[in-house]
Amino acid sequence: MAKNSHGASKPSKPENEYFVREDAESKRRLAFQTKRQIAAKELERLKELHWNHCPKCGLEMHPMELAGVEVDVCFPCGGVFLDKGDIEHLRRAHARRPGVTDAILNWFSEETKHPIKD
């Protein structure tokens, strides 16, 4: 440390750079943490806003049982929506009776094995 004109210790240039870097890193961590908290809050807000609503028309969906699987049905637009694992369950349930349903479910079998990750 160098001394200033009053005899007090003054940080050297390397010490100043160290403290500036430490301050910047602390602010970066705080900003990242704040961003993560805001993102989590926004995700929760969106979940509350859209939970059990049709992704096509936005109206309320209703649970129905189809071949032992609970699916979400939107009566206004006719959409039927499956949760993770439901396609595979339905495919196995209909494997004994091959037909159009089995063919359609097979279209999605690869996507259920290797879903897109966030």
Protein backbone atom coordinates (compact mmCIF):
# COMPACT_ATOMS: atom_id res chain seq x y z
CA MET A 1 0.00 0.00 0.00
CA ALA A 2 1.21 3.46 -0.89
CA LYS A 3 0.81 6.43 1.44
CA ASN A 4 -1.07 9.51 0.36
CA SER A 5 -0.08 13.12 1.16
CA HIS A 6 -1.76 12.88 4.57
CA GLY A 7 0.25 9.82 5.54
CA ALA A 8 -2.71 7.42 5.30
CA SER A 9 -2.34 4.18 3.45
CA LYS A 10 -3.71 4.22 -0.09
CA PRO A 11 -4.44 1.00 -1.99
CA SER A 12 -2.04 0.21 -4.81
CA LYS A 13 -3.25 -0.17 -8.38
CA PRO A 14 -3.32 -4.02 -8.17
CA GLU A 15 -5.26 -3.78 -4.90
CA ASN A 16 -7.75 -1.36 -6.46
CA GLU A 17 -8.20 -3.69 -9.45
CA TYR A 18 -8.76 -6.62 -7.09
CA PHE A 19 -11.48 -4.77 -5.16
CA VAL A 20 -13.12 -3.53 -8.36
CA ARG A 21 -13.19 -7.12 -9.70
CA GLU A 22 -14.58 -8.44 -6.40
CA ASP A 23 -17.26 -5.73 -6.37
CA ALA A 24 -18.20 -6.46 -10.00
CA GLU A 25 -18.38 -10.20 -9.30
CA SER A 26 -20.57 -9.60 -6.25
CA LYS A 27 -22.92 -7.40 -8.29
CA ARG A 28 -22.99 -9.99 -11.11
CA ARG A 29 -23.95 -12.76 -8.66
CA LEU A 30 -26.66 -10.56 -7.13
CA ALA A 31 -28.05 -9.69 -10.58
CA PHE A 32 -28.07 -13.38 -11.61
CA GLN A 33 -29.83 -14.36 -8.38
CA THR A 34 -32.42 -11.62 -8.89
CA LYS A 35 -32.97 -12.71 -12.49
CA ARG A 36 -33.44 -16.32 -11.36
CA GLN A 37 -35.96 -15.27 -8.70
CA ILE A 38 -37.89 -13.17 -11.17
CA ALA A 39 -37.92 -16.04 -13.66
CA ALA A 40 -39.21 -18.45 -11.01
CA LYS A 41 -41.92 -15.99 -9.97
CA GLU A 42 -42.91 -15.44 -13.60
CA LEU A 43 -43.02 -19.20 -14.22
CA GLU A 44 -45.28 -19.63 -11.19
CA ARG A 45 -47.51 -16.76 -12.38
CA LEU A 46 -47.84 -18.32 -15.82
CA LYS A 47 -48.61 -21.72 -14.34
CA GLU A 48 -51.39 -20.23 -12.22
CA LEU A 49 -52.74 -18.31 -15.21
CA HIS A 50 -52.73 -21.27 -17.62
CA TRP A 51 -53.17 -24.31 -15.36
CA ASN A 52 -55.83 -26.65 -16.76
CA HIS A 53 -56.60 -24.31 -19.65
CA CYS A 54 -56.52 -25.38 -23.28
CA PRO A 55 -53.36 -24.34 -25.15
CA LYS A 56 -55.42 -23.87 -28.32
CA CYS A 57 -58.40 -21.79 -27.21
CA GLY A 58 -57.56 -20.92 -23.59
CA LEU A 59 -60.79 -22.25 -22.08
CA GLU A 60 -61.00 -24.70 -19.19
CA MET A 61 -60.16 -28.36 -19.84
CA HIS A 62 -61.83 -31.27 -18.07
CA PRO A 63 -60.25 -34.60 -17.05
CA MET A 64 -61.75 -37.70 -18.69
CA GLU A 65 -60.67 -41.34 -18.60
CA LEU A 66 -59.65 -42.95 -21.89
CA ALA A 67 -58.40 -46.57 -21.85
CA GLY A 68 -57.36 -46.25 -18.22
CA VAL A 69 -55.55 -42.94 -18.77
CA GLU A 70 -56.78 -39.60 -17.53
CA VAL A 71 -56.65 -37.17 -20.44
CA ASP A 72 -57.59 -33.49 -20.49
CA VAL A 73 -60.42 -32.63 -22.85
CA CYS A 74 -61.41 -29.19 -24.09
CA PHE A 75 -65.07 -29.40 -25.02
CA PRO A 76 -65.27 -26.01 -26.79
CA CYS A 77 -62.53 -26.78 -29.37
CA GLY A 78 -62.45 -30.58 -29.09
CA GLY A 79 -58.78 -30.79 -28.09
CA VAL A 80 -57.52 -33.81 -26.18
CA PHE A 81 -54.24 -33.40 -24.31
CA LEU A 82 -52.03 -36.02 -22.73
CA ASP A 83 -49.51 -35.77 -19.92
CA LYS A 84 -46.02 -37.25 -20.08
CA GLY A 85 -46.18 -41.04 -20.32
CA ASP A 86 -49.83 -41.16 -21.40
CA ILE A 87 -49.05 -41.76 -25.08
CA GLU A 88 -46.96 -44.83 -24.25
CA HIS A 89 -49.66 -46.15 -21.93
CA LEU A 90 -52.34 -45.71 -24.60
CA ARG A 91 -50.11 -47.30 -27.24
CA ARG A 92 -49.64 -50.39 -25.06
CA ALA A 93 -53.37 -50.54 -24.27
CA HIS A 94 -54.24 -50.47 -27.98
CA ALA A 95 -51.43 -52.79 -29.12
CA ARG A 96 -53.83 -55.75 -28.96
CA ARG A 97 -56.14 -54.03 -31.45
CA PRO A 98 -53.97 -52.46 -34.14
CA GLY A 99 -55.63 -49.84 -36.24
CA VAL A 100 -55.78 -46.13 -36.82
CA THR A 101 -55.36 -45.25 -33.13
CA ASP A 102 -52.23 -47.37 -32.88
CA ALA A 103 -50.79 -45.77 -36.01
CA ILE A 104 -51.43 -42.29 -34.67
CA LEU A 105 -49.92 -43.11 -31.29
CA ASN A 106 -46.84 -44.56 -33.01
CA TRP A 107 -46.24 -41.19 -34.65
CA PHE A 108 -45.49 -39.81 -31.18
CA SER A 109 -43.60 -42.74 -29.68
CA GLU A 110 -40.16 -41.36 -30.59
CA GLU A 111 -40.97 -37.96 -29.06
CA THR A 112 -41.96 -39.56 -25.77
CA LYS A 113 -38.69 -41.51 -25.63
CA HIS A 114 -36.52 -38.46 -26.35
CA PRO A 115 -38.40 -35.33 -25.27
CA ILE A 116 -36.90 -31.90 -25.82
CA LYS A 117 -35.18 -30.68 -22.66
CA ASP A 118 -35.19 -27.08 -21.44
